[in-house]
């Protein structure tokens, strides 16, 4: 789910998405380090790094603008126009 979300953000193409992508890769690398180690102190160090990167992602997400593509607005306005035409048609023939 997170990869899907990051993938959608990457498609938006803003500079914050690069930061989110970089932090995501760093988090994955640190998580793999936790899985490979048996020393609890090393695992805590990697977990602390993950928490820091998560905070960076939370800050970067605020800079990402959610936009609707041009065709999304066109579909919305088209549906509204069809609804109005349908209501006029029904009123005309009743």
PDB file of N, CA and C in Angstrom:
ATOM      1  N   UNK A   1       0.826  -1.190   0.000  1.00  0.00           N
ATOM      2  CA  UNK A   1       0.000   0.000   0.000  1.00  0.00           C
ATOM      3  C   UNK A   1       0.871   1.255   0.000  1.00  0.00           C
ATOM      4  N   UNK A   2       1.941   1.235   0.800  1.00  0.00           N
ATOM      5  CA  UNK A   2       2.818   2.400   0.868  1.00  0.00           C
ATOM      6  C   UNK A   2       3.520   2.600  -0.463  1.00  0.00           C
ATOM      7  N   UNK A   3       3.939   1.519  -1.106  1.00  0.00           N
ATOM      8  CA  UNK A   3       4.599   1.639  -2.411  1.00  0.00           C
ATOM      9  C   UNK A   3       3.638   2.240  -3.430  1.00  0.00           C
ATOM     10  N   UNK A   4       2.366   1.847  -3.383  1.00  0.00           N
ATOM     11  CA  UNK A   4       1.356   2.402  -4.286  1.00  0.00           C
ATOM     12  C   UNK A   4       1.203   3.898  -4.043  1.00  0.00           C
ATOM     13  N   UNK A   5       1.139   4.291  -2.783  1.00  0.00           N
ATOM     14  CA  UNK A   5       1.015   5.708  -2.429  1.00  0.00           C
ATOM     15  C   UNK A   5       2.223   6.494  -2.907  1.00  0.00           C
ATOM     16  N   UNK A   6       3.414   5.981  -2.669  1.00  0.00           N
ATOM     17  CA  UNK A   6       4.633   6.665  -3.100  1.00  0.00           C
ATOM     18  C   UNK A   6       4.688   6.712  -4.625  1.00  0.00           C
ATOM     19  N   UNK A   7       4.254   5.658  -5.271  1.00  0.00           N
ATOM     20  CA  UNK A   7       4.221   5.650  -6.732  1.00  0.00           C
ATOM     21  C   UNK A   7       3.292   6.722  -7.281  1.00  0.00           C
ATOM     22  N   UNK A   8       2.128   6.891  -6.653  1.00  0.00           N
ATOM     23  CA  UNK A   8       1.215   7.947  -7.086  1.00  0.00           C
ATOM     24  C   UNK A   8       1.809   9.323  -6.859  1.00  0.00           C
ATOM     25  N   UNK A   9       2.491   9.491  -5.765  1.00  0.00           N
ATOM     26  CA  UNK A   9       3.111  10.787  -5.492  1.00  0.00           C
ATOM     27  C   UNK A   9       4.227  11.062  -6.497  1.00  0.00           C
ATOM     28  N   UNK A  10       4.967  10.021  -6.865  1.00  0.00           N
ATOM     29  CA  UNK A  10       6.034  10.202  -7.847  1.00  0.00           C
ATOM     30  C   UNK A  10       5.486  10.640  -9.199  1.00  0.00           C
ATOM     31  N   UNK A  11       4.283  10.179  -9.522  1.00  0.00           N
ATOM     32  CA  UNK A  11       3.679  10.589 -10.778  1.00  0.00           C
ATOM     33  C   UNK A  11       3.309  12.068 -10.773  1.00  0.00           C
ATOM     34  N   UNK A  12       3.095  12.631  -9.606  1.00  0.00           N
ATOM     35  CA  UNK A  12       2.753  14.054  -9.513  1.00  0.00           C
ATOM     36  C   UNK A  12       3.930  14.923  -9.936  1.00  0.00           C
ATOM     37  N   UNK A  13       5.161  14.492  -9.691  1.00  0.00           N
ATOM     38  CA  UNK A  13       6.349  15.153 -10.207  1.00  0.00           C
ATOM     39  C   UNK A  13       6.789  16.399  -9.473  1.00  0.00           C
ATOM     40  N   UNK A  14       6.627  16.493  -8.184  1.00  0.00           N
ATOM     41  CA  UNK A  14       7.127  17.668  -7.473  1.00  0.00           C
ATOM     42  C   UNK A  14       8.367  17.280  -6.671  1.00  0.00           C
ATOM     43  N   UNK A  15       9.114  18.284  -6.205  1.00  0.00           N
ATOM     44  CA  UNK A  15      10.389  18.018  -5.541  1.00  0.00           C
ATOM     45  C   UNK A  15      10.218  17.282  -4.215  1.00  0.00           C
ATOM     46  N   UNK A  16       9.106  17.462  -3.560  1.00  0.00           N
ATOM     47  CA  UNK A  16       8.874  16.743  -2.304  1.00  0.00           C
ATOM     48  C   UNK A  16       8.768  15.246  -2.548  1.00  0.00           C
ATOM     49  N   UNK A  17       8.323  14.865  -3.723  1.00  0.00           N
ATOM     50  CA  UNK A  17       8.220  13.436  -4.009  1.00  0.00           C
ATOM     51  C   UNK A  17       9.588  12.778  -4.056  1.00  0.00           C
ATOM     52  N   UNK A  18      10.582  13.508  -4.507  1.00  0.00           N
ATOM     53  CA  UNK A  18      11.935  12.948  -4.518  1.00  0.00           C
ATOM     54  C   UNK A  18      12.414  12.701  -3.087  1.00  0.00           C
ATOM     55  N   UNK A  19      12.095  13.633  -2.204  1.00  0.00           N
ATOM     56  CA  UNK A  19      12.480  13.462  -0.799  1.00  0.00           C
ATOM     57  C   UNK A  19      11.759  12.277  -0.182  1.00  0.00           C
ATOM     58  N   UNK A  20      10.499  12.123  -0.502  1.00  0.00           N
ATOM     59  CA  UNK A  20       9.725  10.996   0.022  1.00  0.00           C
ATOM     60  C   UNK A  20      10.293   9.684  -0.511  1.00  0.00           C
ATOM     61  N   UNK A  21      10.616   9.652  -1.792  1.00  0.00           N
ATOM     62  CA  UNK A  21      11.173   8.443  -2.388  1.00  0.00           C
ATOM     63  C   UNK A  21      12.516   8.080  -1.763  1.00  0.00           C
ATOM     64  N   UNK A  22      13.363   9.078  -1.589  1.00  0.00           N
ATOM     65  CA  UNK A  22      14.671   8.842  -0.980  1.00  0.00           C
ATOM     66  C   UNK A  22      14.521   8.318   0.439  1.00  0.00           C
ATOM     67  N   UNK A  23      13.632   8.939   1.215  1.00  0.00           N
ATOM     68  CA  UNK A  23      13.411   8.489   2.588  1.00  0.00           C
ATOM     69  C   UNK A  23      12.836   7.084   2.622  1.00  0.00           C
ATOM     70  N   UNK A  24      11.973   6.768   1.668  1.00  0.00           N
ATOM     71  CA  UNK A  24      11.390   5.438   1.611  1.00  0.00           C
ATOM     72  C   UNK A  24      12.469   4.382   1.379  1.00  0.00           C
ATOM     73  N   UNK A  25      13.375   4.653   0.459  1.00  0.00           N
ATOM     74  CA  UNK A  25      14.458   3.701   0.197  1.00  0.00           C
ATOM     75  C   UNK A  25      15.369   3.557   1.421  1.00  0.00           C
ATOM     76  N   UNK A  26      15.628   4.666   2.092  1.00  0.00           N
ATOM     77  CA  UNK A  26      16.460   4.624   3.293  1.00  0.00           C
ATOM     78  C   UNK A  26      15.784   3.790   4.382  1.00  0.00           C
ATOM     79  N   UNK A  27      14.490   3.983   4.552  1.00  0.00           N
ATOM     80  CA  UNK A  27      13.742   3.221   5.568  1.00  0.00           C
ATOM     81  C   UNK A  27      13.784   1.731   5.246  1.00  0.00           C
ATOM     82  N   UNK A  28      13.609   1.390   3.994  1.00  0.00           N
ATOM     83  CA  UNK A  28      13.667  -0.024   3.619  1.00  0.00           C
ATOM     84  C   UNK A  28      15.028  -0.628   3.915  1.00  0.00           C
ATOM     85  N   UNK A  29      16.087   0.127   3.625  1.00  0.00           N
ATOM     86  CA  UNK A  29      17.442  -0.365   3.890  1.00  0.00           C
ATOM     87  C   UNK A  29      17.666  -0.550   5.393  1.00  0.00           C
ATOM     88  N   UNK A  30      17.196   0.402   6.196  1.00  0.00           N
ATOM     89  CA  UNK A  30      17.356   0.295   7.648  1.00  0.00           C
ATOM     90  C   UNK A  30      16.532  -0.866   8.210  1.00  0.00           C
ATOM     91  N   UNK A  31      15.348  -1.066   7.675  1.00  0.00           N
ATOM     92  CA  UNK A  31      14.510  -2.177   8.139  1.00  0.00           C
ATOM     93  C   UNK A  31      15.168  -3.521   7.829  1.00  0.00           C
ATOM     94  N   UNK A  32      15.791  -3.618   6.670  1.00  0.00           N
ATOM     95  CA  UNK A  32      16.502  -4.853   6.336  1.00  0.00           C
ATOM     96  C   UNK A  32      17.682  -5.061   7.284  1.00  0.00           C
ATOM     97  N   UNK A  33      18.322  -3.972   7.689  1.00  0.00           N
ATOM     98  CA  UNK A  33      19.427  -4.083   8.647  1.00  0.00           C
ATOM     99  C   UNK A  33      18.946  -4.613   9.989  1.00  0.00           C
ATOM    100  N   UNK A  34      17.759  -4.180  10.390  1.00  0.00           N
ATOM    101  CA  UNK A  34      17.185  -4.677  11.655  1.00  0.00           C
ATOM    102  C   UNK A  34      16.938  -6.178  11.556  1.00  0.00           C
ATOM    103  N   UNK A  35      16.419  -6.613  10.434  1.00  0.00           N
ATOM    104  CA  UNK A  35      16.117  -8.035  10.273  1.00  0.00           C
ATOM    105  C   UNK A  35      17.371  -8.896  10.260  1.00  0.00           C
ATOM    106  N   UNK A  36      18.475  -8.339   9.787  1.00  0.00           N
ATOM    107  CA  UNK A  36      19.711  -9.124   9.668  1.00  0.00           C
ATOM    108  C   UNK A  36      20.520  -9.175  10.965  1.00  0.00           C
ATOM    109  N   UNK A  37      20.292  -8.260  11.880  1.00  0.00           N
ATOM    110  CA  UNK A  37      21.127  -8.193  13.077  1.00  0.00           C
ATOM    111  C   UNK A  37      20.516  -8.966  14.237  1.00  0.00           C
ATOM    112  N   UNK A  38      21.380  -9.459  15.086  1.00  0.00           N
ATOM    113  CA  UNK A  38      20.908 -10.133  16.293  1.00  0.00           C
ATOM    114  C   UNK A  38      21.212  -9.289  17.527  1.00  0.00           C
ATOM    115  N   UNK A  39      21.970  -8.218  17.365  1.00  0.00           N
ATOM    116  CA  UNK A  39      22.331  -7.333  18.476  1.00  0.00           C
ATOM    117  C   UNK A  39      21.228  -6.293  18.672  1.00  0.00           C
ATOM    118  N   UNK A  40      20.679  -6.235  19.857  1.00  0.00           N
ATOM    119  CA  UNK A  40      19.552  -5.342  20.134  1.00  0.00           C
ATOM    120  C   UNK A  40      19.973  -3.879  20.069  1.00  0.00           C
ATOM    121  N   UNK A  41      21.198  -3.549  20.444  1.00  0.00           N
ATOM    122  CA  UNK A  41      21.646  -2.156  20.390  1.00  0.00           C
ATOM    123  C   UNK A  41      21.730  -1.662  18.952  1.00  0.00           C
ATOM    124  N   UNK A  42      22.207  -2.510  18.069  1.00  0.00           N
ATOM    125  CA  UNK A  42      22.280  -2.143  16.645  1.00  0.00           C
ATOM    126  C   UNK A  42      20.862  -2.000  16.082  1.00  0.00           C
ATOM    127  N   UNK A  43      19.974  -2.889  16.481  1.00  0.00           N
ATOM    128  CA  UNK A  43      18.581  -2.813  16.020  1.00  0.00           C
ATOM    129  C   UNK A  43      17.923  -1.520  16.482  1.00  0.00           C
ATOM    130  N   UNK A  44      18.201  -1.101  17.719  1.00  0.00           N
ATOM    131  CA  UNK A  44      17.646   0.156  18.229  1.00  0.00           C
ATOM    132  C   UNK A  44      18.172   1.349  17.434  1.00  0.00           C
ATOM    133  N   UNK A  45      19.444   1.297  17.053  1.00  0.00           N
ATOM    134  CA  UNK A  45      20.024   2.384  16.264  1.00  0.00           C
ATOM    135  C   UNK A  45      19.321   2.499  14.913  1.00  0.00           C
ATOM    136  N   UNK A  46      19.103   1.359  14.273  1.00  0.00           N
ATOM    137  CA  UNK A  46      18.408   1.371  12.981  1.00  0.00           C
ATOM    138  C   UNK A  46      16.949   1.807  13.148  1.00  0.00           C
ATOM    139  N   UNK A  47      16.319   1.390  14.221  1.00  0.00           N
ATOM    140  CA  UNK A  47      14.937   1.794  14.471  1.00  0.00           C
ATOM    141  C   UNK A  47      14.849   3.308  14.692  1.00  0.00           C
ATOM    142  N   UNK A  48      15.820   3.875  15.388  1.00  0.00           N
ATOM    143  CA  UNK A  48      15.856   5.319  15.601  1.00  0.00           C
ATOM    144  C   UNK A  48      16.011   6.053  14.263  1.00  0.00           C
ATOM    145  N   UNK A  49      16.838   5.523  13.369  1.00  0.00           N
ATOM    146  CA  UNK A  49      16.987   6.106  12.032  1.00  0.00           C
ATOM    147  C   UNK A  49      15.680   6.065  11.252  1.00  0.00           C
ATOM    148  N   UNK A  50      14.958   4.972  11.387  1.00  0.00           N
ATOM    149  CA  UNK A  50      13.673   4.840  10.697  1.00  0.00           C
ATOM    150  C   UNK A  50      12.683   5.873  11.214  1.00  0.00           C
ATOM    151  N   UNK A  51      12.653   6.084  12.517  1.00  0.00           N
ATOM    152  CA  UNK A  51      11.744   7.080  13.097  1.00  0.00           C
ATOM    153  C   UNK A  51      12.078   8.472  12.570  1.00  0.00           C
ATOM    154  N   UNK A  52      13.368   8.786  12.471  1.00  0.00           N
ATOM    155  CA  UNK A  52      13.770  10.089  11.942  1.00  0.00           C
ATOM    156  C   UNK A  52      13.355  10.281  10.497  1.00  0.00           C
ATOM    157  N   UNK A  53      13.539   9.256   9.675  1.00  0.00           N
ATOM    158  CA  UNK A  53      13.137   9.355   8.272  1.00  0.00           C
ATOM    159  C   UNK A  53      11.625   9.440   8.134  1.00  0.00           C
ATOM    160  N   UNK A  54      10.886   8.759   9.016  1.00  0.00           N
ATOM    161  CA  UNK A  54       9.427   8.857   8.988  1.00  0.00           C
ATOM    162  C   UNK A  54       8.972  10.277   9.260  1.00  0.00           C
ATOM    163  N   UNK A  55       9.665  10.957  10.158  1.00  0.00           N
ATOM    164  CA  UNK A  55       9.339  12.359  10.436  1.00  0.00           C
ATOM    165  C   UNK A  55       9.628  13.222   9.205  1.00  0.00           C
ATOM    166  N   UNK A  56      10.704  12.913   8.483  1.00  0.00           N
ATOM    167  CA  UNK A  56      11.010  13.650   7.251  1.00  0.00           C
ATOM    168  C   UNK A  56       9.925  13.446   6.201  1.00  0.00           C
ATOM    169  N   UNK A  57       9.433  12.232   6.096  1.00  0.00           N
ATOM    170  CA  UNK A  57       8.356  11.954   5.138  1.00  0.00           C
ATOM    171  C   UNK A  57       7.100  12.719   5.530  1.00  0.00           C
ATOM    172  N   UNK A  58       6.779  12.720   6.814  1.00  0.00           N
ATOM    173  CA  UNK A  58       5.585  13.444   7.269  1.00  0.00           C
ATOM    174  C   UNK A  58       5.702  14.927   6.940  1.00  0.00           C
ATOM    175  N   UNK A  59       6.889  15.499   7.054  1.00  0.00           N
ATOM    176  CA  UNK A  59       7.077  16.902   6.706  1.00  0.00           C
ATOM    177  C   UNK A  59       6.992  17.143   5.215  1.00  0.00           C
ATOM    178  N   UNK A  60       7.482  16.208   4.418  1.00  0.00           N
ATOM    179  CA  UNK A  60       7.477  16.375   2.959  1.00  0.00           C
ATOM    180  C   UNK A  60       6.089  16.184   2.367  1.00  0.00           C
ATOM    181  N   UNK A  61       5.273  15.365   2.988  1.00  0.00           N
ATOM    182  CA  UNK A  61       3.933  15.120   2.463  1.00  0.00           C
ATOM    183  C   UNK A  61       3.109  16.412   2.471  1.00  0.00           C
ATOM    184  N   UNK A  62       3.366  17.291   3.417  1.00  0.00           N
ATOM    185  CA  UNK A  62       2.649  18.562   3.466  1.00  0.00           C
ATOM    186  C   UNK A  62       2.944  19.459   2.278  1.00  0.00           C
ATOM    187  N   UNK A  63       4.060  19.248   1.608  1.00  0.00           N
ATOM    188  CA  UNK A  63       4.418  20.064   0.444  1.00  0.00           C
ATOM    189  C   UNK A  63       3.903  19.492  -0.869  1.00  0.00           C
ATOM    190  N   UNK A  64       3.308  18.321  -0.828  1.00  0.00           N
ATOM    191  CA  UNK A  64       2.799  17.690  -2.034  1.00  0.00           C
ATOM    192  C   UNK A  64       1.391  18.202  -2.292  1.00  0.00           C
ATOM    193  N   UNK A  65       1.175  18.696  -3.503  1.00  0.00           N
ATOM    194  CA  UNK A  65      -0.132  19.238  -3.860  1.00  0.00           C
ATOM    195  C   UNK A  65      -0.944  18.160  -4.567  1.00  0.00           C
ATOM    196  N   UNK A  66      -2.158  17.960  -4.093  1.00  0.00           N
ATOM    197  CA  UNK A  66      -3.059  16.994  -4.700  1.00  0.00           C
ATOM    198  C   UNK A  66      -3.779  17.696  -5.845  1.00  0.00           C
ATOM    199  N   UNK A  67      -3.545  17.249  -7.064  1.00  0.00           N
ATOM    200  CA  UNK A  67      -4.147  17.892  -8.226  1.00  0.00           C
ATOM    201  C   UNK A  67      -5.044  16.926  -8.974  1.00  0.00           C
ATOM    202  N   UNK A  68      -6.018  17.484  -9.647  1.00  0.00           N
ATOM    203  CA  UNK A  68      -6.913  16.713 -10.500  1.00  0.00           C
ATOM    204  C   UNK A  68      -6.476  16.913 -11.942  1.00  0.00           C
ATOM    205  N   UNK A  69      -6.354  15.846 -12.708  1.00  0.00           N
ATOM    206  CA  UNK A  69      -5.963  16.019 -14.108  1.00  0.00           C
ATOM    207  C   UNK A  69      -7.043  16.778 -14.892  1.00  0.00           C
ATOM    208  N   UNK A  70      -6.643  17.350 -16.024  1.00  0.00           N
ATOM    209  CA  UNK A  70      -7.567  18.170 -16.813  1.00  0.00           C
ATOM    210  C   UNK A  70      -8.802  17.391 -17.217  1.00  0.00           C
ATOM    211  N   UNK A  71      -8.648  16.103 -17.511  1.00  0.00           N
ATOM    212  CA  UNK A  71      -9.782  15.319 -17.961  1.00  0.00           C
ATOM    213  C   UNK A  71     -10.720  14.961 -16.820  1.00  0.00           C
ATOM    214  N   UNK A  72     -10.222  14.994 -15.593  1.00  0.00           N
ATOM    215  CA  UNK A  72     -11.092  14.739 -14.441  1.00  0.00           C
ATOM    216  C   UNK A  72     -12.118  15.848 -14.272  1.00  0.00           C
ATOM    217  N   UNK A  73     -11.666  17.091 -14.422  1.00  0.00           N
ATOM    218  CA  UNK A  73     -12.603  18.223 -14.353  1.00  0.00           C
ATOM    219  C   UNK A  73     -13.592  18.171 -15.507  1.00  0.00           C
ATOM    220  N   UNK A  74     -13.118  17.791 -16.698  1.00  0.00           N
ATOM    221  CA  UNK A  74     -13.996  17.723 -17.855  1.00  0.00           C
ATOM    222  C   UNK A  74     -15.093  16.677 -17.648  1.00  0.00           C
ATOM    223  N   UNK A  75     -14.748  15.547 -17.071  1.00  0.00           N
ATOM    224  CA  UNK A  75     -15.746  14.505 -16.811  1.00  0.00           C
ATOM    225  C   UNK A  75     -16.775  15.003 -15.797  1.00  0.00           C
ATOM    226  N   UNK A  76     -16.319  15.709 -14.781  1.00  0.00           N
ATOM    227  CA  UNK A  76     -17.231  16.233 -13.769  1.00  0.00           C
ATOM    228  C   UNK A  76     -18.215  17.221 -14.384  1.00  0.00           C
ATOM    229  N   UNK A  77     -17.684  18.179 -15.142  1.00  0.00           N
ATOM    230  CA  UNK A  77     -18.562  19.174 -15.766  1.00  0.00           C
ATOM    231  C   UNK A  77     -19.477  18.538 -16.811  1.00  0.00           C
ATOM    232  N   UNK A  78     -18.984  17.541 -17.511  1.00  0.00           N
ATOM    233  CA  UNK A  78     -19.817  16.828 -18.482  1.00  0.00           C
ATOM    234  C   UNK A  78     -20.968  16.099 -17.811  1.00  0.00           C
ATOM    235  N   UNK A  79     -20.703  15.466 -16.675  1.00  0.00           N
ATOM    236  CA  UNK A  79     -21.766  14.759 -15.946  1.00  0.00           C
ATOM    237  C   UNK A  79     -22.815  15.739 -15.427  1.00  0.00           C
ATOM    238  N   UNK A  80     -22.364  16.884 -14.948  1.00  0.00           N
ATOM    239  CA  UNK A  80     -23.309  17.902 -14.471  1.00  0.00           C
ATOM    240  C   UNK A  80     -24.165  18.409 -15.629  1.00  0.00           C
ATOM    241  N   UNK A  81     -23.532  18.655 -16.788  1.00  0.00           N
ATOM    242  CA  UNK A  81     -24.277  19.131 -17.957  1.00  0.00           C
ATOM    243  C   UNK A  81     -25.298  18.091 -18.413  1.00  0.00           C
ATOM    244  N   UNK A  82     -24.906  16.816 -18.434  1.00  0.00           N
ATOM    245  CA  UNK A  82     -25.856  15.762 -18.815  1.00  0.00           C
ATOM    246  C   UNK A  82     -27.015  15.660 -17.837  1.00  0.00           C
ATOM    247  N   UNK A  83     -26.744  15.837 -16.567  1.00  0.00           N
ATOM    248  CA  UNK A  83     -27.817  15.800 -15.568  1.00  0.00           C
ATOM    249  C   UNK A  83     -28.797  16.949 -15.786  1.00  0.00           C
ATOM    250  N   UNK A  84     -28.278  18.125 -16.063  1.00  0.00           N
ATOM    251  CA  UNK A  84     -29.154  19.277 -16.305  1.00  0.00           C
ATOM    252  C   UNK A  84     -29.978  19.064 -17.568  1.00  0.00           C
ATOM    253  N   UNK A  85     -29.344  18.557 -18.621  1.00  0.00           N
ATOM    254  CA  UNK A  85     -30.072  18.279 -19.867  1.00  0.00           C
ATOM    255  C   UNK A  85     -31.133  17.205 -19.633  1.00  0.00           C
ATOM    256  N   UNK A  86     -30.809  16.192 -18.854  1.00  0.00           N
ATOM    257  CA  UNK A  86     -31.783  15.139 -18.536  1.00  0.00           C
ATOM    258  C   UNK A  86     -32.975  15.671 -17.773  1.00  0.00           C
ATOM    259  N   UNK A  87     -32.752  16.544 -16.813  1.00  0.00           N
ATOM    260  CA  UNK A  87     -33.854  17.135 -16.047  1.00  0.00           C
ATOM    261  C   UNK A  87     -34.711  18.000 -16.968  1.00  0.00           C
ATOM    262  N   UNK A  88     -34.101  18.800 -17.829  1.00  0.00           N
ATOM    263  CA  UNK A  88     -34.852  19.630 -18.781  1.00  0.00           C
ATOM    264  C   UNK A  88     -35.675  18.761 -19.729  1.00  0.00           C
ATOM    265  N   UNK A  89     -35.086  17.651 -20.182  1.00  0.00           N
ATOM    266  CA  UNK A  89     -35.803  16.740 -21.066  1.00  0.00           C
ATOM    267  C   UNK A  89     -37.032  16.165 -20.369  1.00  0.00           C
ATOM    268  N   UNK A  90     -36.863  15.723 -19.125  1.00  0.00           N
ATOM    269  CA  UNK A  90     -37.982  15.165 -18.374  1.00  0.00           C
ATOM    270  C   UNK A  90     -39.069  16.208 -18.120  1.00  0.00           C
ATOM    271  N   UNK A  91     -38.674  17.431 -17.794  1.00  0.00           N
ATOM    272  CA  UNK A  91     -39.657  18.490 -17.547  1.00  0.00           C
ATOM    273  C   UNK A  91     -40.377  18.877 -18.843  1.00  0.00           C
ATOM    274  N   UNK A  92     -39.687  18.834 -19.949  1.00  0.00           N
ATOM    275  CA  UNK A  92     -40.284  19.225 -21.232  1.00  0.00           C
ATOM    276  C   UNK A  92     -41.373  18.225 -21.672  1.00  0.00           C
ATOM    277  N   UNK A  93     -41.123  16.927 -21.428  1.00  0.00           N
ATOM    278  CA  UNK A  93     -42.047  15.907 -21.895  1.00  0.00           C
ATOM    279  C   UNK A  93     -43.001  15.416 -20.819  1.00  0.00           C
ATOM    280  N   UNK A  94     -43.133  16.105 -19.721  1.00  0.00           N
ATOM    281  CA  UNK A  94     -44.127  15.695 -18.708  1.00  0.00           C
ATOM    282  C   UNK A  94     -45.219  16.701 -18.594  1.00  0.00           C
TER     283      UNK A  94
END
